Protein backbone atom coordinates (compact mmCIF):
# COMPACT_ATOMS: atom_id res chain seq x y z
CA MET A 1 49.12 98.94 63.79
CA LYS A 2 50.22 99.83 67.34
CA LEU A 3 50.22 96.15 68.24
CA TYR A 4 52.38 95.33 65.21
CA SER A 5 54.79 98.20 66.06
CA SER A 6 55.15 96.99 69.65
CA PHE A 7 55.71 93.42 68.47
CA LEU A 8 58.38 94.62 66.04
CA SER A 9 60.13 96.61 68.81
CA LEU A 10 60.11 93.52 71.02
CA LEU A 11 61.69 91.45 68.23
CA ILE A 12 64.43 94.09 67.79
CA ILE A 13 65.22 94.09 71.53
CA MET A 14 65.26 90.28 71.68
CA GLY A 15 67.48 90.19 68.62
CA SER A 16 69.92 92.61 70.23
CA LEU A 17 70.05 90.50 73.38
CA PHE A 18 70.55 87.36 71.24
CA LEU A 19 73.43 88.99 69.38
CA THR A 20 75.10 90.06 72.65
CA THR A 21 74.73 86.57 74.08
CA THR A 22 75.95 85.01 70.86
CA ALA A 23 79.07 87.18 71.01
CA PHE A 24 80.00 85.21 74.10
CA ALA A 25 78.61 81.83 73.09
CA ASP A 26 80.31 81.70 69.70
CA THR A 27 83.77 82.32 71.14
CA THR A 28 83.58 79.98 74.12
CA PRO A 29 84.58 76.31 73.80
CA ARG A 30 82.04 73.88 75.12
CA GLY A 31 82.49 72.12 78.45
CA TRP A 32 84.01 75.10 80.27
CA VAL A 33 82.65 75.79 83.76
CA TRP A 34 82.30 79.44 84.70
CA GLU A 35 82.51 80.72 88.27
CA GLN A 36 80.91 84.09 89.00
CA ILE A 37 82.75 86.46 91.37
CA THR A 38 81.42 89.71 92.82
CA VAL A 39 84.09 92.41 92.93
CA GLY A 40 84.60 93.45 96.56
CA LYS A 41 85.65 96.73 98.13
CA ASP A 42 89.31 97.57 97.35
CA ASP A 43 89.46 94.58 94.95
CA ASN A 44 91.65 94.70 91.87
CA LEU A 45 92.47 92.08 89.23
CA THR A 46 95.67 91.01 91.01
CA ALA A 47 93.90 90.45 94.35
CA ILE A 48 91.09 88.46 92.70
CA PHE A 49 93.49 86.28 90.68
CA LEU A 50 95.66 85.49 93.72
CA ARG A 51 92.55 84.61 95.71
CA LYS A 52 91.54 82.07 93.06
CA GLY A 53 94.94 80.35 92.90
CA LEU A 54 96.23 82.23 89.86
CA THR A 55 99.47 84.22 89.69
CA GLU A 56 100.68 87.73 88.87
CA GLN A 57 101.91 86.26 85.57
CA ASP A 58 98.27 85.65 84.62
CA VAL A 59 97.57 89.31 85.37
CA TYR A 60 100.51 90.30 83.18
CA HIS A 61 99.31 88.18 80.25
CA ILE A 62 95.73 89.48 80.52
CA THR A 63 96.75 93.15 80.75
CA HIS A 64 99.08 92.81 77.76
CA ILE A 65 96.35 91.81 75.33
CA SER A 66 96.04 94.12 72.35
CA PRO A 67 93.91 96.17 72.47
CA THR A 68 94.38 96.62 76.22
CA PRO A 69 91.11 95.86 78.10
CA ASP A 70 90.88 99.15 80.03
CA ALA A 71 87.78 97.98 81.95
CA LEU A 72 89.94 95.54 83.93
CA PHE A 73 92.02 98.39 85.36
CA ASN A 74 88.96 100.04 86.93
CA LEU A 75 86.92 97.32 88.58
CA LYS A 76 84.09 98.60 90.77
CA PRO A 77 82.59 96.98 93.88
CA GLY A 78 79.53 94.95 92.93
CA GLN A 79 80.60 94.22 89.36
CA LYS A 80 80.23 90.60 88.21
CA LEU A 81 83.33 88.85 86.94
CA GLN A 82 83.27 85.30 85.55
CA LEU A 83 86.34 83.06 85.46
CA SER A 84 86.84 79.68 83.84
CA LEU A 85 89.66 77.88 85.65
CA LYS A 86 91.38 74.57 85.21
CA LYS A 87 92.93 73.02 88.32
CA THR A 88 96.65 72.28 87.93
CA ALA A 89 97.41 71.57 91.62
CA PRO A 90 95.48 71.62 94.93
CA ASP A 91 96.34 75.30 95.49
CA SER A 92 96.81 76.56 91.94
CA SER A 93 94.79 76.90 88.75
CA ARG A 94 95.22 77.86 85.11
CA LEU A 95 93.09 80.54 83.52
CA GLN A 96 91.00 79.47 80.52
CA GLY A 97 88.74 82.47 80.17
CA LEU A 98 87.38 85.66 81.71
CA ARG A 99 84.11 87.55 81.28
CA LEU A 100 83.19 91.01 82.56
CA MET A 101 79.86 92.82 82.24
CA SER A 102 80.05 96.59 82.64
CA SER A 103 77.46 99.30 82.11
CA ASP A 104 80.25 101.48 80.70
CA ALA A 105 82.35 99.01 78.72
CA GLY A 106 79.68 96.59 77.64
CA ALA A 107 80.52 92.90 77.49
CA LEU A 108 84.16 91.81 77.62
CA GLU A 109 85.37 88.23 77.12
CA ILE A 110 88.98 87.00 77.17
CA ILE A 111 89.80 83.40 76.30
CA ALA A 112 92.94 81.30 75.92
CA THR A 113 94.07 80.18 72.49
CA GLU A 114 97.15 78.39 71.20
CA SER A 115 98.71 81.76 70.39
CA GLY A 116 97.85 83.40 73.70
CA PHE A 117 94.87 85.26 75.13
CA ILE A 118 92.47 87.11 72.84
CA SER A 119 89.67 89.50 73.77
CA ASN A 120 86.24 90.21 72.38
CA GLN A 121 84.34 93.28 73.51
CA SER A 122 80.85 94.39 72.56
CA SER A 123 78.91 97.53 73.46
CA ASN A 124 75.62 97.44 75.34
CA THR A 125 73.59 98.76 72.44
CA ALA A 126 74.70 96.64 69.52
CA VAL A 127 77.24 94.06 68.48
CA VAL A 128 79.39 95.13 65.57
CA SER A 129 82.12 92.72 64.40
CA THR A 130 84.93 93.82 62.14
CA GLU A 131 86.46 91.40 59.65
CA ALA A 132 89.50 90.94 61.92
CA GLU A 133 87.27 90.28 64.95
CA THR A 134 85.22 87.73 62.98
CA LYS A 135 88.39 85.89 61.98
CA GLN A 136 89.53 85.98 65.61
CA GLN A 137 86.17 84.60 66.79
CA ASP A 138 86.26 81.81 64.19
CA GLN A 139 89.71 80.84 65.38
CA ALA A 140 88.52 80.74 69.01
CA ALA A 141 85.40 78.71 68.16
CA ASN A 142 87.48 75.85 66.72
CA ILE A 143 89.65 75.25 69.78
CA SER A 144 88.93 72.83 72.59
CA ALA A 145 90.10 74.44 75.83
CA PRO A 146 93.84 74.31 75.09
CA PRO A 147 96.20 75.24 77.89
CA PRO A 148 97.78 78.70 77.72
CA PRO A 149 101.27 78.44 76.29
CA PRO A 150 104.06 78.58 78.87
CA LEU A 151 105.31 82.13 78.60
CA SER A 152 108.70 82.98 80.00
CA LYS A 153 109.21 85.66 82.62
CA PRO A 154 109.56 89.05 80.89
CA GLU A 155 113.09 90.26 80.40
CA PRO A 156 114.17 93.02 82.80
CA VAL A 157 113.63 96.51 81.52
CA ILE A 158 117.14 97.51 82.56
CA LYS A 159 120.36 95.94 83.71
CA PRO A 160 121.12 97.72 86.98
CA THR A 161 124.60 99.08 87.54
CA ALA A 162 126.58 98.75 90.75
CA GLN A 163 126.07 102.41 91.59
CA ALA A 164 122.42 103.52 91.46
CA GLU A 165 123.56 107.15 91.12
CA ALA A 166 124.93 106.34 87.68
CA LEU A 167 121.36 105.77 86.50
CA GLY A 168 120.45 109.40 87.11
CA LEU A 169 117.59 108.50 89.45
CA VAL A 170 114.73 110.92 89.95
CA TRP A 171 112.62 110.40 93.07
CA LYS A 172 108.90 111.04 92.80
CA GLU A 173 106.27 110.90 95.55
CA VAL A 174 102.92 109.47 94.41
CA ILE A 175 99.70 109.64 96.43
CA VAL A 176 97.30 106.70 96.16
CA GLU A 177 93.94 107.87 94.81
CA LYS A 178 90.44 106.42 95.19
CA ASP A 179 90.03 103.07 93.38
CA ASP A 180 93.78 102.92 92.74
CA ASN A 181 95.71 99.70 92.48
CA LEU A 182 99.39 99.20 91.67
CA THR A 183 98.69 98.72 87.96
CA ARG A 184 96.68 101.93 87.56
CA LEU A 185 99.19 103.90 89.62
CA PHE A 186 102.19 102.66 87.59
CA LEU A 187 100.49 103.31 84.24
CA ARG A 188 99.58 106.84 85.38
CA GLU A 189 103.24 107.51 86.18
CA GLY A 190 104.46 106.33 82.77
CA LEU A 191 105.50 102.83 83.80
CA THR A 192 104.10 99.63 82.28
CA ALA A 193 102.24 96.51 83.36
CA GLN A 194 105.60 94.75 82.96
CA ASP A 195 106.90 96.83 85.88
CA VAL A 196 103.85 95.78 87.92
CA TYR A 197 104.54 92.14 87.14
CA ARG A 198 108.22 92.35 88.07
CA VAL A 199 107.48 94.15 91.38
CA THR A 200 104.76 91.68 92.38
CA GLN A 201 107.13 88.80 91.54
CA SER A 202 109.77 90.09 93.97
CA LYS A 203 110.71 87.89 96.91
CA PRO A 204 109.17 87.99 99.41
CA VAL A 205 105.91 89.09 97.74
CA PRO A 206 105.08 92.65 98.94
CA LYS A 207 101.50 91.93 100.03
CA ALA A 208 101.03 95.47 101.39
CA LEU A 209 101.17 96.78 97.80
CA LEU A 210 98.24 94.58 96.73
CA ASN A 211 95.77 96.41 98.97
CA LEU A 212 96.52 100.11 98.66
CA ILE A 213 94.49 102.63 100.66
CA PRO A 214 93.65 106.15 99.35
CA GLY A 215 95.93 108.74 100.88
CA GLN A 216 98.96 106.48 101.23
CA THR A 217 102.19 107.67 99.63
CA ILE A 218 104.69 105.72 97.53
CA GLN A 219 108.19 106.92 96.65
CA LEU A 220 109.39 105.91 93.18
CA ALA A 221 113.00 106.09 91.99
CA LEU A 222 112.77 106.42 88.17
CA HIS A 223 115.25 106.78 85.34
CA ASP A 224 115.22 106.95 81.56
CA THR A 225 116.13 103.98 79.39
CA ASP A 226 117.95 104.05 76.08
CA SER A 227 114.59 103.86 74.32
CA GLY A 228 113.39 106.99 76.14
CA ALA A 229 110.87 105.17 78.30
CA LEU A 230 110.79 105.40 82.07
CA ALA A 231 112.02 102.49 84.17
CA LEU A 232 111.68 101.75 87.87
CA HIS A 233 114.78 101.21 89.99
CA GLU A 234 113.36 101.35 93.51
CA LEU A 235 110.05 101.73 95.34
CA GLN A 236 109.67 102.80 98.97
CA PHE A 237 106.37 102.36 100.82
CA GLU A 238 105.50 103.20 104.44
CA ILE A 239 103.09 100.52 105.67
CA ASP A 240 102.59 102.24 109.04
CA VAL A 241 104.58 104.40 111.44
CA ILE A 242 106.74 101.42 112.43
CA ASN A 243 107.02 99.28 109.27
CA SER A 244 108.09 100.20 105.74
CA LEU A 245 109.33 98.30 102.72
CA THR A 246 111.63 98.88 99.79
CA VAL A 247 111.52 97.05 96.46
CA THR A 248 114.84 97.39 94.64
CA ASP A 249 115.95 96.28 91.18
CA THR A 250 118.97 93.94 91.29
CA GLU A 251 120.73 91.59 88.90
CA GLU A 252 118.39 88.80 90.12
CA GLY A 253 115.25 90.94 89.67
CA PHE A 254 113.32 93.02 92.17
CA VAL A 255 113.97 92.22 95.84
CA THR A 256 111.73 93.27 98.73
CA LYS A 257 113.10 94.29 102.11
CA THR A 258 110.89 95.11 105.11
CA ILE A 259 112.27 97.61 107.61
CA THR A 260 110.92 97.68 111.18
CA ARG A 261 111.93 100.60 113.36
CA ASP A 262 112.89 99.94 116.95
CA ILE A 263 110.39 101.30 119.47
CA GLU A 264 111.57 102.59 122.82
CA TYR A 265 109.14 101.52 125.55
CA ARG A 266 108.94 103.70 128.63
CA GLU A 267 107.21 102.63 131.82
CA LEU A 268 105.04 105.32 133.41
CA GLU A 269 102.95 105.60 136.56
CA ALA A 270 99.77 107.51 137.34
CA HIS A 271 97.48 108.00 140.32
CA ALA A 272 94.32 110.06 140.70
CA GLN A 273 91.43 110.63 143.07
CA ILE A 274 87.98 111.07 141.57
CA THR A 275 86.14 114.29 142.40
CA SER A 276 83.62 114.46 139.56
CA SER A 277 84.19 111.73 136.95
CA LEU A 278 86.67 109.08 135.86
CA PHE A 279 87.43 110.98 132.66
CA SER A 280 88.24 114.27 134.37
CA ALA A 281 90.40 112.49 136.97
CA GLY A 282 92.22 110.62 134.23
CA LYS A 283 92.88 113.82 132.29
CA GLU A 284 94.25 115.51 135.40
CA ALA A 285 96.61 112.55 135.81
CA GLY A 286 97.88 113.07 132.25
CA LEU A 287 96.20 109.99 130.74
CA SER A 288 94.95 109.79 127.16
CA ASP A 289 91.37 108.79 126.31
CA LYS A 290 92.70 105.42 125.15
CA VAL A 291 94.31 104.61 128.51
CA ILE A 292 91.23 105.77 130.45
CA MET A 293 89.01 103.48 128.38
CA GLN A 294 91.45 100.59 128.88
CA LEU A 295 91.35 101.20 132.63
CA ALA A 296 87.54 101.15 132.68
CA SER A 297 87.40 97.98 130.55
CA LEU A 298 89.71 96.18 133.00
CA PHE A 299 87.27 96.64 135.89
CA ASN A 300 84.03 96.67 133.90
CA TRP A 301 83.15 93.17 135.16
CA ASP A 302 83.26 94.25 138.82
CA ILE A 303 82.33 97.94 138.76
CA ASP A 304 79.33 99.64 137.16
CA PHE A 305 80.87 102.91 136.00
CA ALA A 306 77.41 104.41 135.49
CA LEU A 307 76.20 103.75 139.04
CA ASP A 308 79.00 102.71 141.40
CA ILE A 309 81.52 105.56 141.07
CA ARG A 310 81.74 107.81 144.14
CA GLU A 311 83.67 110.93 145.08
CA ASN A 312 87.07 110.04 146.59
CA ASP A 313 87.29 106.76 144.67
CA SER A 314 90.84 106.43 143.34
CA PHE A 315 92.97 104.53 140.88
CA SER A 316 96.66 103.77 140.30
CA LEU A 317 98.26 102.25 137.23
CA ILE A 318 101.56 101.32 135.65
CA TYR A 319 101.57 101.48 131.85
CA GLN A 320 103.88 101.65 128.85
CA GLN A 321 104.24 104.24 126.11
CA GLY A 322 106.06 103.73 122.82
CA PHE A 323 108.46 106.33 121.45
CA LEU A 324 110.17 106.76 118.08
CA ASP A 325 112.93 109.36 117.82
CA ASN A 326 111.88 110.69 121.23
CA GLU A 327 108.31 111.24 120.00
CA LYS A 328 105.37 109.36 121.54
CA ILE A 329 103.57 107.17 119.02
CA ASP A 330 101.18 105.20 121.21
CA ASP A 331 99.98 104.36 124.71
CA VAL A 332 100.94 100.72 124.40
CA THR A 333 99.34 98.89 127.30
CA ILE A 334 98.50 98.83 131.00
CA LEU A 335 100.81 96.50 132.95
CA ALA A 336 99.07 96.70 136.33
CA ALA A 337 96.23 98.73 137.82
CA GLU A 338 94.26 99.20 141.01
CA PHE A 339 90.81 100.76 141.40
CA VAL A 340 89.41 101.60 144.84
CA ASN A 341 85.61 101.87 144.65
CA GLN A 342 83.59 102.68 147.77
CA GLY A 343 86.45 101.36 149.93
CA GLN A 344 86.78 98.08 148.00
CA SER A 345 90.10 97.51 146.20
CA TYR A 346 90.30 95.73 142.85
CA ARG A 347 93.63 94.90 141.18
CA ALA A 348 94.50 93.68 137.69
CA ILE A 349 97.88 92.32 136.52
CA ARG A 350 98.78 91.74 132.87
CA TYR A 351 100.26 88.32 132.15
CA THR A 352 101.41 86.50 128.98
CA ASN A 353 101.83 82.74 129.22
CA THR A 354 104.39 80.59 127.43
CA GLU A 355 101.99 80.08 124.49
CA GLY A 356 101.81 83.84 123.91
CA GLU A 357 98.25 84.24 125.27
CA THR A 358 97.75 87.50 127.18
CA GLY A 359 95.12 88.41 129.77
CA TYR A 360 94.53 90.29 133.02
CA PHE A 361 94.30 88.50 136.35
CA THR A 362 93.81 89.29 140.02
CA PRO A 363 96.89 88.90 142.29
CA GLU A 364 95.44 85.47 143.20
CA GLY A 365 95.46 84.36 139.56
CA GLU A 366 91.73 84.65 138.78
CA SER A 367 90.80 86.12 135.40
CA MET A 368 89.45 89.67 135.43
CA ARG A 369 87.19 88.66 132.56
CA LYS A 370 83.87 87.35 133.84
CA ALA A 371 81.03 85.70 131.96
CA PHE A 372 79.20 89.08 131.92
CA ILE A 373 80.08 92.76 132.09
CA ARG A 374 77.98 94.88 134.42
CA THR A 375 77.19 97.70 131.98
CA PRO A 376 76.56 97.29 128.23
CA LEU A 377 77.32 100.99 127.61
CA ASP A 378 80.41 103.11 128.29
CA PHE A 379 80.03 105.95 130.78
CA THR A 380 76.35 106.73 130.87
CA ARG A 381 73.76 107.25 133.61
CA ILE A 382 70.82 105.31 135.03
CA SER A 383 67.57 107.00 133.99
CA SER A 384 65.27 104.33 135.43
CA PRO A 385 66.32 101.50 137.80
CA PHE A 386 64.92 98.00 138.20
CA ASN A 387 61.49 98.56 139.84
CA LEU A 388 58.57 96.10 139.83
CA LYS A 389 56.14 98.89 140.93
CA ARG A 390 57.15 101.67 138.57
CA ARG A 391 54.56 103.93 136.91
CA HIS A 392 55.13 103.87 133.13
CA PRO A 393 55.96 107.41 131.87
CA ILE A 394 53.88 107.03 128.67
CA LEU A 395 51.10 104.60 129.65
CA ASN A 396 50.70 106.37 133.04
CA ARG A 397 49.91 103.18 134.94
CA ILE A 398 51.76 100.87 137.28
CA ARG A 399 53.82 98.56 135.14
CA ALA A 400 56.78 96.53 136.38
CA HIS A 401 60.11 97.77 135.06
CA LYS A 402 62.05 94.51 134.80
CA GLY A 403 65.30 96.00 133.65
CA VAL A 404 67.54 99.05 133.87
CA ASP A 405 67.36 102.08 131.58
CA TYR A 406 70.66 103.71 130.60
CA ALA A 407 70.27 107.23 129.19
CA ALA A 408 72.87 107.95 126.52
CA PRO A 409 73.24 110.03 123.33
CA ARG A 410 71.52 108.63 120.26
CA GLY A 411 73.89 106.36 118.35
CA THR A 412 75.99 105.30 121.37
CA PRO A 413 77.31 101.74 120.73
CA ILE A 414 75.62 98.95 122.73
CA LYS A 415 77.85 96.01 123.71
CA ALA A 416 76.94 92.36 124.25
CA ALA A 417 77.20 91.63 127.98
CA GLY A 418 78.71 88.22 127.30
CA ARG A 419 79.45 85.64 124.62
CA ALA A 420 76.14 84.49 123.18
CA THR A 421 73.94 83.53 120.23
CA ILE A 422 71.24 85.90 118.97
CA GLN A 423 67.91 84.36 120.00
CA SER A 424 65.79 87.06 118.36
CA ILE A 425 66.33 90.34 116.53
CA GLY A 426 63.72 92.79 115.25
CA ASN A 427 60.79 94.91 116.43
CA GLN A 428 58.94 93.91 119.61
CA ARG A 429 55.94 96.20 120.17
CA GLY A 430 56.71 98.63 123.00
CA TYR A 431 60.34 97.54 123.12
CA GLY A 432 60.95 98.81 119.59
CA ARG A 433 64.07 97.46 117.90
CA THR A 434 65.24 94.68 120.21
CA ILE A 435 67.89 91.98 120.46
CA VAL A 436 67.70 89.01 122.84
CA LEU A 437 70.92 87.08 123.48
CA LYS A 438 71.08 83.47 124.67
CA HIS A 439 74.18 82.86 126.79
CA ALA A 440 75.65 79.56 127.93
CA GLY A 441 73.51 77.74 130.46
CA LYS A 442 70.47 79.49 131.90
CA TYR A 443 71.18 83.15 131.07
CA THR A 444 69.56 85.55 128.57
CA THR A 445 69.91 89.31 128.15
CA LEU A 446 67.64 91.78 126.33
CA TYR A 447 68.52 95.12 124.69
CA ALA A 448 65.62 97.37 123.62
CA HIS A 449 64.69 100.77 122.10
CA MET A 450 67.64 100.61 119.69
CA LYS A 451 68.15 103.07 116.86
CA GLY A 452 69.48 100.24 114.72
CA PHE A 453 71.42 96.99 114.71
CA ALA A 454 75.08 96.41 113.91
CA LYS A 455 75.66 95.17 110.35
CA GLY A 456 75.67 91.47 109.61
CA LEU A 457 73.66 90.35 112.65
CA ARG A 458 70.73 87.96 112.31
CA LYS A 459 68.96 85.31 114.34
CA GLY A 460 71.48 82.58 115.18
CA SER A 461 74.54 84.83 114.81
CA ARG A 462 77.26 84.36 117.42
CA VAL A 463 78.57 87.45 119.22
CA LYS A 464 81.56 88.00 121.49
CA GLN A 465 81.56 89.73 124.84
CA GLY A 466 81.94 93.46 124.31
CA GLN A 467 81.03 93.26 120.60
CA THR A 468 78.85 96.12 119.34
CA ILE A 469 75.38 94.75 118.57
CA GLY A 470 73.43 97.98 118.08
CA TYR A 471 73.06 101.66 118.85
CA VAL A 472 71.08 103.69 121.38
CA GLY A 473 67.78 105.06 120.09
CA SER A 474 64.19 105.70 121.12
CA SER A 475 62.20 103.17 119.10
CA GLY A 476 59.03 101.74 120.62
CA LEU A 477 57.46 103.32 123.73
CA ALA A 478 60.31 105.62 124.75
CA THR A 479 60.39 109.25 125.90
CA GLY A 480 63.98 109.76 124.75
CA PRO A 481 67.13 107.95 123.62
CA HIS A 482 68.15 105.21 126.06
CA LEU A 483 68.89 101.51 126.35
CA HIS A 484 66.51 99.22 128.21
CA TYR A 485 68.58 96.28 129.49
CA GLU A 486 67.23 93.08 131.06
CA PHE A 487 69.01 90.15 132.70
CA ARG A 488 67.18 86.82 133.02
CA ILE A 489 68.06 83.55 134.72
CA ASP A 490 65.89 80.60 133.66
CA GLY A 491 63.48 83.16 132.21
CA VAL A 492 63.11 85.07 135.50
CA HIS A 493 64.06 88.76 135.53
CA HIS A 494 66.81 89.87 137.92
CA ASN A 495 68.21 93.31 138.68
CA PRO A 496 71.27 93.64 136.38
CA LEU A 497 72.93 95.94 138.92
CA THR A 498 72.84 93.53 141.85
CA VAL A 499 72.53 90.02 140.39
CA LYS A 500 75.35 87.69 141.39
CA LEU A 501 77.30 86.87 138.25
CA PRO A 502 79.09 83.57 137.53
CA ARG A 503 82.61 83.28 138.94
CA SER A 504 85.63 83.95 136.76
CA ILE A 505 88.00 81.27 135.50
CA SER A 506 91.29 80.82 137.35
CA LEU A 507 94.66 80.74 135.65
CA ALA A 508 95.71 77.19 134.73
CA THR A 509 97.78 75.49 137.43
CA LYS A 510 100.80 75.07 135.14
CA TYR A 511 101.10 78.87 134.83
CA GLN A 512 100.58 79.78 138.50
CA SER A 513 104.23 79.83 139.60
CA ASP A 514 105.35 81.80 136.53
CA PHE A 515 102.48 84.26 137.00
CA LYS A 516 103.31 84.91 140.65
CA ALA A 517 106.99 85.45 139.85
CA LYS A 518 106.14 88.05 137.18
CA ALA A 519 103.22 89.63 139.08
CA GLN A 520 105.10 90.25 142.33
CA PRO A 521 107.30 93.14 141.06
CA LEU A 522 104.23 94.88 139.59
CA ILE A 523 102.25 94.44 142.82
CA ALA A 524 105.19 95.92 144.77
CA LYS A 525 105.24 98.92 142.40
CA LEU A 526 101.50 99.47 142.96
CA ASP A 527 102.06 99.38 146.73
CA THR A 528 104.90 101.89 146.49
CA LEU A 529 102.87 104.12 144.16
CA ASN A 530 99.92 104.20 146.56
CA GLN A 531 102.15 104.91 149.57
CA THR A 532 103.88 107.75 147.73
CA TYR A 533 100.62 109.48 146.84
CA LEU A 534 99.18 108.84 150.31
CA ALA A 535 102.21 110.46 151.93
CA ARG A 536 102.00 113.38 149.50
CA SER A 537 98.28 113.97 150.21
CA GLN A 538 98.87 113.85 153.99
CA SER A 539 101.70 116.40 153.73
CA GLU A 540 99.42 118.73 151.82
């Protein structure tokens, strides 16, 4: 009896699945090809359609089906969406059908018919068809992938007057919420999908509105129509502190205008002598954390900031700050800098060539960027140097230490020393979580005892110099959080702190004269800056 009951239950489940599948199969013309799309983070129907060569008009038609398919207004990352498209041009397509599976909404299918798009939705537990739905399905089953009828652009909601004040505009500030898109936001404020369509059809297309971020604010200028419904006259949106856009209703439809505020750039100078650390010296000189990190990154190829810094080292720099309405908005960039380390002077000059490519170069025109950076961590300390006769702290026996250990807080980002391909990634016995990078030519570097790897990395992945590849940890045989770093040439271990690195690339000959003409004034300013501070220190 139990066996019969179980068999009967299985038949019921299979029948339910068959009915759900049939709800799709019966309404779909044969020969259609379906493409499955996974909804991404911050995706909405408009973004997906535009990505697949469809238009905002397709979104408008889909969202105006009756009854309105609410599930399409609340797409969630990871959901599966199927589209059947018909190519009409190399970069454009026509929508034939759409399918969406949702744990909340059940199964939704929208297909094109001669009279427009129709929808069929079934719950997850059972498929119940009304008489009207059955008639609709029969109609859909007899068609053979007809093209959607050419629908004209919707008529404007209002005819704007010459004076916007005459409309009795009311301004409202709206905050973008989690999972919001323009459609959901407009509907929540009493506007319609027609307003969404008209705004997204404005010229030029306001792309910033297609990827809204929670917390952003939008200003809406609204007014009542003769029918009592709300209508949109203008939208204002701040993209960032510098750029904003307005979308305004005109006699020709909505028009988008981007407004860019003028930034005032001020050139500043700074000089400091190190007594304890680069950070404290930079702070005393009035520099932000961002500028201090930029300064360190400029000289990171020549100076090991974990080992080489000494008391009485010094630096000078000329940099720009951006101001809006007399208020600082950003430390823009370093124009020129000098770092004196253990009596050795290093200088870097910023230069942009005629093709718009920007880099930092020595006064002789050699790139500051080398094939390798000295230290794969920012501002840490050496806990164990390169030592072929070191006694292992855990194994308590002489065991060559063929790299350098950098002690740092757990989770500190680890950077690739140079451009490379990942040769291996994973656990390696005593090394714990380890990455080995294969650089051009005969060089390899190893990074061990990681807490974890950066997302998306695998064997064969390409990485850029300075790219984060993992995070400091204590996996494997480790007494505490640190990075074990090795540098190998033709498979032979070398001390990363003293190995001679490949020479940098010089500036192309065709740019040399232009570079020297632009670098000379900055070099003169560095000289004057150093002399000024030298004279001041001697007078004190």
